[in-house]
PDB file of all heavy atoms in Angstrom:
ATOM      1  N   LYS A   1    -143.130  55.791 -44.124  1.00  0.00           N
ATOM      2  CA  LYS A   1    -143.376  55.112 -42.953  1.00  0.00           C
ATOM      3  C   LYS A   1    -144.838  54.603 -42.822  1.00  0.00           C
ATOM      4  O   LYS A   1    -145.694  55.237 -43.353  1.00  0.00           O
ATOM      5  CB  LYS A   1    -143.197  56.079 -41.735  1.00  0.00           C
ATOM      6  CG  LYS A   1    -141.622  56.460 -41.717  1.00  0.00           C
ATOM      7  CD  LYS A   1    -141.582  57.508 -40.590  1.00  0.00           C
ATOM      8  CE  LYS A   1    -140.246  58.231 -40.526  1.00  0.00           C
ATOM      9  NZ  LYS A   1    -140.079  59.104 -39.401  1.00  0.00           N
ATOM     10  N   PHE A   2    -145.032  53.388 -42.320  1.00  0.00           N
ATOM     11  CA  PHE A   2    -146.298  52.842 -42.067  1.00  0.00           C
ATOM     12  C   PHE A   2    -146.433  52.468 -40.546  1.00  0.00           C
ATOM     13  O   PHE A   2    -145.716  51.790 -40.077  1.00  0.00           O
ATOM     14  CB  PHE A   2    -146.541  51.632 -42.853  1.00  0.00           C
ATOM     15  CG  PHE A   2    -146.192  51.795 -44.393  1.00  0.00           C
ATOM     16  CD1 PHE A   2    -144.977  51.553 -44.951  1.00  0.00           C
ATOM     17  CD2 PHE A   2    -147.116  52.275 -45.197  1.00  0.00           C
ATOM     18  CE1 PHE A   2    -144.718  51.697 -46.295  1.00  0.00           C
ATOM     19  CE2 PHE A   2    -146.939  52.511 -46.501  1.00  0.00           C
ATOM     20  CZ  PHE A   2    -145.645  52.295 -47.116  1.00  0.00           C
ATOM     21  N   ALA A   3    -147.545  52.880 -39.956  1.00  0.00           N
ATOM     22  CA  ALA A   3    -148.019  52.457 -38.639  1.00  0.00           C
ATOM     23  C   ALA A   3    -146.969  52.843 -37.724  1.00  0.00           C
ATOM     24  O   ALA A   3    -146.700  52.134 -36.508  1.00  0.00           O
ATOM     25  CB  ALA A   3    -148.190  51.007 -38.472  1.00  0.00           C
ATOM     26  N   LYS A   4    -146.020  53.912 -37.903  1.00  0.00           N
ATOM     27  CA  LYS A   4    -145.048  54.410 -36.997  1.00  0.00           C
ATOM     28  C   LYS A   4    -144.088  53.399 -36.563  1.00  0.00           C
ATOM     29  O   LYS A   4    -143.230  53.398 -35.633  1.00  0.00           O
ATOM     30  CB  LYS A   4    -145.687  55.018 -35.690  1.00  0.00           C
ATOM     31  CG  LYS A   4    -146.319  56.335 -35.953  1.00  0.00           C
ATOM     32  CD  LYS A   4    -146.831  56.938 -34.807  1.00  0.00           C
ATOM     33  CE  LYS A   4    -147.676  58.193 -35.092  1.00  0.00           C
ATOM     34  NZ  LYS A   4    -147.938  58.943 -33.946  1.00  0.00           N
ATOM     35  N   LEU A   5    -143.964  52.198 -37.339  1.00  0.00           N
ATOM     36  CA  LEU A   5    -143.140  51.058 -36.964  1.00  0.00           C
ATOM     37  C   LEU A   5    -142.325  50.612 -38.169  1.00  0.00           C
ATOM     38  O   LEU A   5    -141.127  50.378 -38.147  1.00  0.00           O
ATOM     39  CB  LEU A   5    -144.020  49.917 -36.367  1.00  0.00           C
ATOM     40  CG  LEU A   5    -143.228  48.625 -35.895  1.00  0.00           C
ATOM     41  CD1 LEU A   5    -142.337  49.021 -34.713  1.00  0.00           C
ATOM     42  CD2 LEU A   5    -144.258  47.599 -35.474  1.00  0.00           C
ATOM     43  N   PHE A   6    -143.009  50.395 -39.399  1.00  0.00           N
ATOM     44  CA  PHE A   6    -142.391  49.837 -40.517  1.00  0.00           C
ATOM     45  C   PHE A   6    -142.197  51.026 -41.476  1.00  0.00           C
ATOM     46  O   PHE A   6    -142.756  52.040 -41.565  1.00  0.00           O
ATOM     47  CB  PHE A   6    -143.409  48.836 -41.187  1.00  0.00           C
ATOM     48  CG  PHE A   6    -143.671  47.689 -40.214  1.00  0.00           C
ATOM     49  CD1 PHE A   6    -144.916  47.668 -39.774  1.00  0.00           C
ATOM     50  CD2 PHE A   6    -142.774  46.684 -40.034  1.00  0.00           C
ATOM     51  CE1 PHE A   6    -145.231  46.613 -38.857  1.00  0.00           C
ATOM     52  CE2 PHE A   6    -143.077  45.739 -39.197  1.00  0.00           C
ATOM     53  CZ  PHE A   6    -144.364  45.604 -38.618  1.00  0.00           C
ATOM     54  N   SER A   7    -141.163  50.693 -42.379  1.00  0.00           N
ATOM     55  CA  SER A   7    -140.846  51.637 -43.440  1.00  0.00           C
ATOM     56  C   SER A   7    -140.314  50.977 -44.706  1.00  0.00           C
ATOM     57  O   SER A   7    -139.794  49.904 -44.684  1.00  0.00           O
ATOM     58  CB  SER A   7    -139.806  52.746 -43.022  1.00  0.00           C
ATOM     59  OG  SER A   7    -138.692  52.164 -42.628  1.00  0.00           O
ATOM     60  N   VAL A   8    -140.390  51.652 -45.872  1.00  0.00           N
ATOM     61  CA  VAL A   8    -139.775  51.272 -47.048  1.00  0.00           C
ATOM     62  C   VAL A   8    -138.921  52.485 -47.467  1.00  0.00           C
ATOM     63  O   VAL A   8    -139.300  53.589 -47.213  1.00  0.00           O
ATOM     64  CB  VAL A   8    -140.622  50.654 -48.109  1.00  0.00           C
ATOM     65  CG1 VAL A   8    -141.294  49.469 -47.776  1.00  0.00           C
ATOM     66  CG2 VAL A   8    -141.776  51.879 -48.510  1.00  0.00           C
ATOM     67  N   GLU A   9    -137.888  52.152 -48.117  1.00  0.00           N
ATOM     68  CA  GLU A   9    -136.780  53.200 -48.573  1.00  0.00           C
ATOM     69  C   GLU A   9    -136.254  52.944 -49.974  1.00  0.00           C
ATOM     70  O   GLU A   9    -136.174  51.859 -50.284  1.00  0.00           O
ATOM     71  CB  GLU A   9    -135.770  53.400 -47.574  1.00  0.00           C
ATOM     72  CG  GLU A   9    -134.967  52.116 -47.356  1.00  0.00           C
ATOM     73  CD  GLU A   9    -134.215  52.034 -46.014  1.00  0.00           C
ATOM     74  OE1 GLU A   9    -134.683  52.694 -44.961  1.00  0.00           O
ATOM     75  OE2 GLU A   9    -133.117  51.477 -46.065  1.00  0.00           O
ATOM     76  N   ALA A  10    -136.013  53.986 -50.629  1.00  0.00           N
ATOM     77  CA  ALA A  10    -135.379  53.856 -52.019  1.00  0.00           C
ATOM     78  C   ALA A  10    -134.604  55.193 -52.303  1.00  0.00           C
ATOM     79  O   ALA A  10    -135.061  56.292 -51.934  1.00  0.00           O
ATOM     80  CB  ALA A  10    -136.352  53.500 -53.057  1.00  0.00           C
ATOM     81  N   GLY A  11    -133.564  55.108 -53.122  1.00  0.00           N
ATOM     82  CA  GLY A  11    -132.864  56.260 -53.622  1.00  0.00           C
ATOM     83  C   GLY A  11    -131.489  55.951 -54.192  1.00  0.00           C
ATOM     84  O   GLY A  11    -131.105  54.680 -54.219  1.00  0.00           O
ATOM     85  N   PRO A  12    -130.805  56.974 -54.596  1.00  0.00           N
ATOM     86  CA  PRO A  12    -129.530  56.660 -55.086  1.00  0.00           C
ATOM     87  C   PRO A  12    -128.438  56.495 -53.965  1.00  0.00           C
ATOM     88  O   PRO A  12    -128.563  56.981 -52.893  1.00  0.00           O
ATOM     89  CB  PRO A  12    -129.112  57.963 -55.825  1.00  0.00           C
ATOM     90  CG  PRO A  12    -129.971  59.017 -55.095  1.00  0.00           C
ATOM     91  CD  PRO A  12    -131.138  58.402 -54.587  1.00  0.00           C
ATOM     92  N   GLN A  13    -127.315  55.935 -54.338  1.00  0.00           N
ATOM     93  CA  GLN A  13    -126.194  55.727 -53.453  1.00  0.00           C
ATOM     94  C   GLN A  13    -124.940  56.136 -54.177  1.00  0.00           C
ATOM     95  O   GLN A  13    -124.585  55.612 -55.216  1.00  0.00           O
ATOM     96  CB  GLN A  13    -126.002  54.370 -52.927  1.00  0.00           C
ATOM     97  CG  GLN A  13    -124.848  54.058 -52.070  1.00  0.00           C
ATOM     98  CD  GLN A  13    -124.789  52.712 -51.418  1.00  0.00           C
ATOM     99  OE1 GLN A  13    -125.367  52.510 -50.430  1.00  0.00           O
ATOM    100  NE2 GLN A  13    -124.075  51.813 -52.112  1.00  0.00           N
ATOM    101  N   PHE A  14    -124.112  57.025 -53.701  1.00  0.00           N
ATOM    102  CA  PHE A  14    -122.896  57.421 -54.176  1.00  0.00           C
ATOM    103  C   PHE A  14    -121.711  56.811 -53.526  1.00  0.00           C
ATOM    104  O   PHE A  14    -121.506  56.951 -52.245  1.00  0.00           O
ATOM    105  CB  PHE A  14    -122.733  58.953 -54.198  1.00  0.00           C
ATOM    106  CG  PHE A  14    -124.052  59.681 -54.686  1.00  0.00           C
ATOM    107  CD1 PHE A  14    -125.037  60.044 -53.834  1.00  0.00           C
ATOM    108  CD2 PHE A  14    -124.211  59.740 -56.022  1.00  0.00           C
ATOM    109  CE1 PHE A  14    -126.233  60.691 -54.389  1.00  0.00           C
ATOM    110  CE2 PHE A  14    -125.366  60.343 -56.617  1.00  0.00           C
ATOM    111  CZ  PHE A  14    -126.401  60.719 -55.781  1.00  0.00           C
ATOM    112  N   GLY A  15    -120.842  55.994 -54.202  1.00  0.00           N
ATOM    113  CA  GLY A  15    -119.741  55.297 -53.515  1.00  0.00           C
ATOM    114  C   GLY A  15    -118.490  55.841 -54.107  1.00  0.00           C
ATOM    115  O   GLY A  15    -118.187  56.134 -55.116  1.00  0.00           O
ATOM    116  N   PHE A  16    -117.485  55.931 -53.080  1.00  0.00           N
ATOM    117  CA  PHE A  16    -116.097  56.514 -53.354  1.00  0.00           C
ATOM    118  C   PHE A  16    -115.109  55.358 -52.869  1.00  0.00           C
ATOM    119  O   PHE A  16    -115.099  54.939 -51.655  1.00  0.00           O
ATOM    120  CB  PHE A  16    -115.903  57.800 -52.625  1.00  0.00           C
ATOM    121  CG  PHE A  16    -116.680  58.805 -53.096  1.00  0.00           C
ATOM    122  CD1 PHE A  16    -117.916  58.883 -52.434  1.00  0.00           C
ATOM    123  CD2 PHE A  16    -116.606  59.450 -54.205  1.00  0.00           C
ATOM    124  CE1 PHE A  16    -118.914  59.916 -52.874  1.00  0.00           C
ATOM    125  CE2 PHE A  16    -117.581  60.493 -54.760  1.00  0.00           C
ATOM    126  CZ  PHE A  16    -118.738  60.661 -54.049  1.00  0.00           C
ATOM    127  N   VAL A  17    -114.307  54.775 -53.675  1.00  0.00           N
ATOM    128  CA  VAL A  17    -113.412  53.727 -53.308  1.00  0.00           C
ATOM    129  C   VAL A  17    -112.320  54.261 -52.412  1.00  0.00           C
ATOM    130  O   VAL A  17    -111.659  55.333 -52.730  1.00  0.00           O
ATOM    131  CB  VAL A  17    -112.758  53.191 -54.665  1.00  0.00           C
ATOM    132  CG1 VAL A  17    -111.622  52.123 -54.252  1.00  0.00           C
ATOM    133  CG2 VAL A  17    -113.694  52.387 -55.499  1.00  0.00           C
ATOM    134  N   VAL A  18    -112.094  53.548 -51.390  1.00  0.00           N
ATOM    135  CA  VAL A  18    -111.065  54.024 -50.395  1.00  0.00           C
ATOM    136  C   VAL A  18    -109.935  52.970 -50.173  1.00  0.00           C
ATOM    137  O   VAL A  18    -108.906  53.207 -49.776  1.00  0.00           O
ATOM    138  CB  VAL A  18    -111.657  54.425 -48.973  1.00  0.00           C
ATOM    139  CG1 VAL A  18    -112.548  55.676 -49.116  1.00  0.00           C
ATOM    140  CG2 VAL A  18    -112.438  53.283 -48.324  1.00  0.00           C
ATOM    141  N   ASN A  19    -110.254  51.664 -50.800  1.00  0.00           N
ATOM    142  CA  ASN A  19    -109.251  50.550 -50.537  1.00  0.00           C
ATOM    143  C   ASN A  19    -109.552  49.507 -51.433  1.00  0.00           C
ATOM    144  O   ASN A  19    -110.795  49.199 -51.559  1.00  0.00           O
ATOM    145  CB  ASN A  19    -109.307  50.133 -49.078  1.00  0.00           C
ATOM    146  CG  ASN A  19    -108.221  49.005 -48.772  1.00  0.00           C
ATOM    147  OD1 ASN A  19    -107.125  49.129 -49.263  1.00  0.00           O
ATOM    148  ND2 ASN A  19    -108.671  48.040 -48.143  1.00  0.00           N
ATOM    149  N   ASP A  20    -108.654  48.948 -52.033  1.00  0.00           N
ATOM    150  CA  ASP A  20    -108.762  47.769 -52.984  1.00  0.00           C
ATOM    151  C   ASP A  20    -107.566  46.991 -52.991  1.00  0.00           C
ATOM    152  O   ASP A  20    -106.541  47.486 -52.723  1.00  0.00           O
ATOM    153  CB  ASP A  20    -109.301  48.058 -54.283  1.00  0.00           C
ATOM    154  CG  ASP A  20    -108.286  48.728 -55.256  1.00  0.00           C
ATOM    155  OD1 ASP A  20    -107.203  48.189 -55.412  1.00  0.00           O
ATOM    156  OD2 ASP A  20    -108.648  49.842 -55.824  1.00  0.00           O
ATOM    157  N   ASN A  21    -107.693  45.652 -53.321  1.00  0.00           N
ATOM    158  CA  ASN A  21    -106.623  44.817 -53.392  1.00  0.00           C
ATOM    159  C   ASN A  21    -106.411  44.287 -54.834  1.00  0.00           C
ATOM    160  O   ASN A  21    -105.945  43.119 -55.045  1.00  0.00           O
ATOM    161  CB  ASN A  21    -106.561  43.790 -52.354  1.00  0.00           C
ATOM    162  CG  ASN A  21    -107.565  42.623 -52.645  1.00  0.00           C
ATOM    163  OD1 ASN A  21    -108.567  42.892 -53.356  1.00  0.00           O
ATOM    164  ND2 ASN A  21    -107.507  41.579 -52.227  1.00  0.00           N
ATOM    165  N   LEU A  22    -106.794  44.997 -55.963  1.00  0.00           N
ATOM    166  CA  LEU A  22    -106.806  44.517 -57.167  1.00  0.00           C
ATOM    167  C   LEU A  22    -105.484  44.135 -57.700  1.00  0.00           C
ATOM    168  O   LEU A  22    -105.378  43.136 -58.380  1.00  0.00           O
ATOM    169  CB  LEU A  22    -107.592  45.531 -58.167  1.00  0.00           C
ATOM    170  CG  LEU A  22    -108.971  45.651 -58.104  1.00  0.00           C
ATOM    171  CD1 LEU A  22    -109.520  46.648 -59.205  1.00  0.00           C
ATOM    172  CD2 LEU A  22    -109.675  44.278 -58.239  1.00  0.00           C
ATOM    173  N   ASP A  23    -104.352  44.905 -57.403  1.00  0.00           N
ATOM    174  CA  ASP A  23    -103.107  44.611 -57.866  1.00  0.00           C
ATOM    175  C   ASP A  23    -102.641  43.090 -57.365  1.00  0.00           C
ATOM    176  O   ASP A  23    -102.088  42.446 -58.147  1.00  0.00           O
ATOM    177  CB  ASP A  23    -102.083  45.606 -57.320  1.00  0.00           C
ATOM    178  CG  ASP A  23    -102.285  46.948 -58.019  1.00  0.00           C
ATOM    179  OD1 ASP A  23    -102.870  46.963 -59.074  1.00  0.00           O
ATOM    180  OD2 ASP A  23    -101.853  47.957 -57.458  1.00  0.00           O
ATOM    181  N   THR A  24    -103.057  42.759 -56.164  1.00  0.00           N
ATOM    182  CA  THR A  24    -102.788  41.543 -55.664  1.00  0.00           C
ATOM    183  C   THR A  24    -103.548  40.525 -56.322  1.00  0.00           C
ATOM    184  O   THR A  24    -103.026  39.433 -56.720  1.00  0.00           O
ATOM    185  CB  THR A  24    -102.918  41.529 -54.088  1.00  0.00           C
ATOM    186  OG1 THR A  24    -102.137  42.658 -53.551  1.00  0.00           O
ATOM    187  CG2 THR A  24    -102.410  40.197 -53.498  1.00  0.00           C
ATOM    188  N   ALA A  25    -104.862  40.658 -56.351  1.00  0.00           N
ATOM    189  CA  ALA A  25    -105.825  39.716 -56.738  1.00  0.00           C
ATOM    190  C   ALA A  25    -105.658  39.327 -58.309  1.00  0.00           C
ATOM    191  O   ALA A  25    -105.725  38.200 -58.754  1.00  0.00           O
ATOM    192  CB  ALA A  25    -107.237  40.123 -56.490  1.00  0.00           C
ATOM    193  N   PHE A  26    -105.201  40.397 -59.163  1.00  0.00           N
ATOM    194  CA  PHE A  26    -105.036  40.102 -60.590  1.00  0.00           C
ATOM    195  C   PHE A  26    -103.623  39.988 -60.900  1.00  0.00           C
ATOM    196  O   PHE A  26    -103.281  40.006 -62.087  1.00  0.00           O
ATOM    197  CB  PHE A  26    -105.659  41.231 -61.327  1.00  0.00           C
ATOM    198  CG  PHE A  26    -107.236  41.111 -61.356  1.00  0.00           C
ATOM    199  CD1 PHE A  26    -107.990  41.873 -60.437  1.00  0.00           C
ATOM    200  CD2 PHE A  26    -107.874  40.351 -62.284  1.00  0.00           C
ATOM    201  CE1 PHE A  26    -109.373  41.723 -60.469  1.00  0.00           C
ATOM    202  CE2 PHE A  26    -109.173  40.219 -62.280  1.00  0.00           C
ATOM    203  CZ  PHE A  26    -110.003  40.927 -61.362  1.00  0.00           C
TER     204      PHE A  26
END
């Protein structure tokens, strides 16, 4: 955080598929 107003952020993200339409698309 900078000046109690602005911030920068970074890190990992873990994603889990809950829905897709690949069978239809391909």
